């Protein structure tokens, strides 16, 4: 009997084998996608080098992926860490910007009152600016 018939004789083993193949296929696709992302994220490689790596991974997938991991695997992790840090910093800057919010009307009114008290703006200018803030 060959291995193909084994799946029919033992349905649990066939299901296990199918799940193992599906898992391996998904893991392979994730790995290839991560390599393509890393190829284009690499700022130190020239366009020709990137094209060469893409061609190698597409034409000889197993050899290309293995070669890329051997040659650029260590740099791949450092680029991933750097990208995560940049994304985190952009998120923190966005959160700080949103959390600070627009200036409140109270602080604007107090600033206007100080300017009027110091004589830097006239009463008429104060009233116009105050109306603009309140409406």
Protein backbone atom coordinates (compact mmCIF):
# COMPACT_ATOMS: atom_id res chain seq x y z
CA UNK A 1 0.00 0.00 0.00
CA UNK A 2 1.17 3.49 -0.76
CA UNK A 3 0.91 6.57 1.44
CA UNK A 4 -2.10 7.86 -0.47
CA UNK A 5 -4.22 4.95 0.66
CA UNK A 6 -3.15 5.53 4.24
CA UNK A 7 -5.29 8.67 4.37
CA UNK A 8 -8.32 6.61 3.39
CA UNK A 9 -7.58 3.85 5.86
CA UNK A 10 -7.00 6.23 8.76
CA UNK A 11 -9.23 9.33 8.49
CA UNK A 12 -7.75 10.96 11.61
CA UNK A 13 -4.27 10.64 10.18
CA UNK A 14 -5.52 12.08 6.88
CA UNK A 15 -7.07 15.05 8.69
CA UNK A 16 -3.85 15.59 10.64
CA UNK A 17 -1.80 15.44 7.43
CA UNK A 18 -4.15 17.95 5.74
CA UNK A 19 -3.95 20.35 8.70
CA UNK A 20 -0.16 20.06 8.69
CA UNK A 21 0.00 20.87 4.97
CA UNK A 22 -2.37 23.83 5.36
CA UNK A 23 -0.29 25.15 8.27
CA UNK A 24 2.94 24.76 6.28
CA UNK A 25 1.39 26.52 3.26
CA UNK A 26 0.17 29.47 5.37
CA UNK A 27 3.55 29.72 7.13
CA UNK A 28 5.28 29.74 3.74
CA UNK A 29 3.02 32.52 2.42
CA UNK A 30 3.62 34.62 5.55
CA UNK A 31 7.38 34.15 5.22
CA UNK A 32 7.38 35.12 1.53
CA UNK A 33 5.23 38.20 2.23
CA UNK A 34 7.55 39.29 5.04
CA UNK A 35 10.54 38.90 2.76
CA UNK A 36 8.93 41.00 0.04
CA UNK A 37 8.09 43.71 2.61
CA UNK A 38 11.67 43.61 3.86
CA UNK A 39 13.11 43.79 0.35
CA UNK A 40 11.30 47.05 -0.30
CA UNK A 41 11.87 48.40 3.22
CA UNK A 42 15.66 48.09 2.84
CA UNK A 43 16.93 51.60 2.13
CA UNK A 44 20.54 50.52 1.68
CA UNK A 45 19.94 48.19 -1.29
CA UNK A 46 19.83 49.63 -4.78
CA UNK A 47 16.88 49.19 -7.08
CA UNK A 48 18.76 46.56 -9.08
CA UNK A 49 19.54 44.58 -5.94
CA UNK A 50 15.88 44.69 -4.94
CA UNK A 51 14.83 43.58 -8.42
CA UNK A 52 17.35 40.74 -8.26
CA UNK A 53 16.04 39.51 -4.91
CA UNK A 54 12.43 39.71 -6.11
CA UNK A 55 13.30 37.77 -9.27
CA UNK A 56 15.21 35.16 -7.29
CA UNK A 57 12.35 34.67 -4.82
CA UNK A 58 9.78 34.46 -7.63
CA UNK A 59 11.76 32.21 -9.99
CA UNK A 60 13.37 29.90 -7.42
CA UNK A 61 11.15 30.32 -4.35
CA UNK A 62 12.77 27.89 -1.91
CA UNK A 63 16.34 28.72 -2.88
CA UNK A 64 15.56 32.45 -3.04
CA UNK A 65 13.92 32.56 0.38
CA UNK A 66 16.69 30.48 1.93
CA UNK A 67 19.39 32.67 0.33
CA UNK A 68 17.65 35.86 1.45
CA UNK A 69 17.36 34.61 5.03
CA UNK A 70 21.02 33.60 5.08
CA UNK A 71 22.32 36.82 3.51
CA UNK A 72 19.95 39.41 4.99
CA UNK A 73 18.28 37.64 7.93
CA UNK A 74 20.08 39.61 10.64
CA UNK A 75 19.44 42.94 8.91
CA UNK A 76 15.82 41.90 8.40
CA UNK A 77 15.19 41.80 12.15
CA UNK A 78 16.92 45.14 12.76
CA UNK A 79 14.81 46.79 10.04
CA UNK A 80 11.67 45.33 11.60
CA UNK A 81 12.63 46.70 15.03
CA UNK A 82 13.46 50.12 13.55
CA UNK A 83 10.16 50.22 11.68
CA UNK A 84 8.21 49.28 14.81
CA UNK A 85 9.97 52.04 16.78
CA UNK A 86 9.19 54.61 14.06
CA UNK A 87 5.54 53.53 13.98
CA UNK A 88 5.33 53.73 17.77
CA UNK A 89 6.84 57.23 17.76
CA UNK A 90 4.39 58.38 15.08
CA UNK A 91 1.51 56.95 17.11
CA UNK A 92 2.73 58.66 20.28
CA UNK A 93 3.08 61.98 18.44
CA UNK A 94 -0.44 61.61 17.07
CA UNK A 95 -1.82 60.79 20.53
CA UNK A 96 -0.03 63.79 22.06
CA UNK A 97 -1.40 66.01 19.30
CA UNK A 98 -4.96 64.77 19.71
CA UNK A 99 -4.80 64.81 23.52
CA UNK A 100 -3.67 68.42 23.59
CA UNK A 101 -6.75 69.28 21.53
CA UNK A 102 -7.67 72.68 20.26
CA UNK A 103 -7.04 75.59 22.56
CA UNK A 104 -9.92 76.22 24.90
CA UNK A 105 -11.96 79.38 24.71
CA UNK A 106 -11.19 80.16 28.36
CA UNK A 107 -7.45 80.33 27.76
CA UNK A 108 -7.99 82.44 24.64
CA UNK A 109 -10.23 84.83 26.58
CA UNK A 110 -7.71 85.15 29.40
CA UNK A 111 -4.96 85.88 26.86
CA UNK A 112 -7.16 88.53 25.26
CA UNK A 113 -7.88 90.07 28.66
CA UNK A 114 -4.15 90.24 29.41
CA UNK A 115 -3.46 91.88 26.05
CA UNK A 116 -6.19 94.45 26.70
CA UNK A 117 -4.93 95.10 30.25
CA UNK A 118 -1.38 95.62 28.94
CA UNK A 119 -2.72 98.06 26.36
CA UNK A 120 -1.54 95.98 23.41
CA UNK A 121 -5.03 95.83 21.88
CA UNK A 122 -7.87 98.33 22.03
CA UNK A 123 -11.28 97.76 23.58
CA UNK A 124 -12.83 97.47 20.13
CA UNK A 125 -10.29 94.82 19.05
CA UNK A 126 -10.90 92.98 22.32
CA UNK A 127 -14.67 92.89 21.75
CA UNK A 128 -14.32 91.67 18.14
CA UNK A 129 -11.89 88.90 19.14
CA UNK A 130 -14.08 87.95 22.11
CA UNK A 131 -17.15 87.69 19.89
CA UNK A 132 -15.19 85.57 17.43
CA UNK A 133 -14.11 83.16 20.19
CA UNK A 134 -17.55 82.88 21.75
CA UNK A 135 -19.39 82.33 18.47
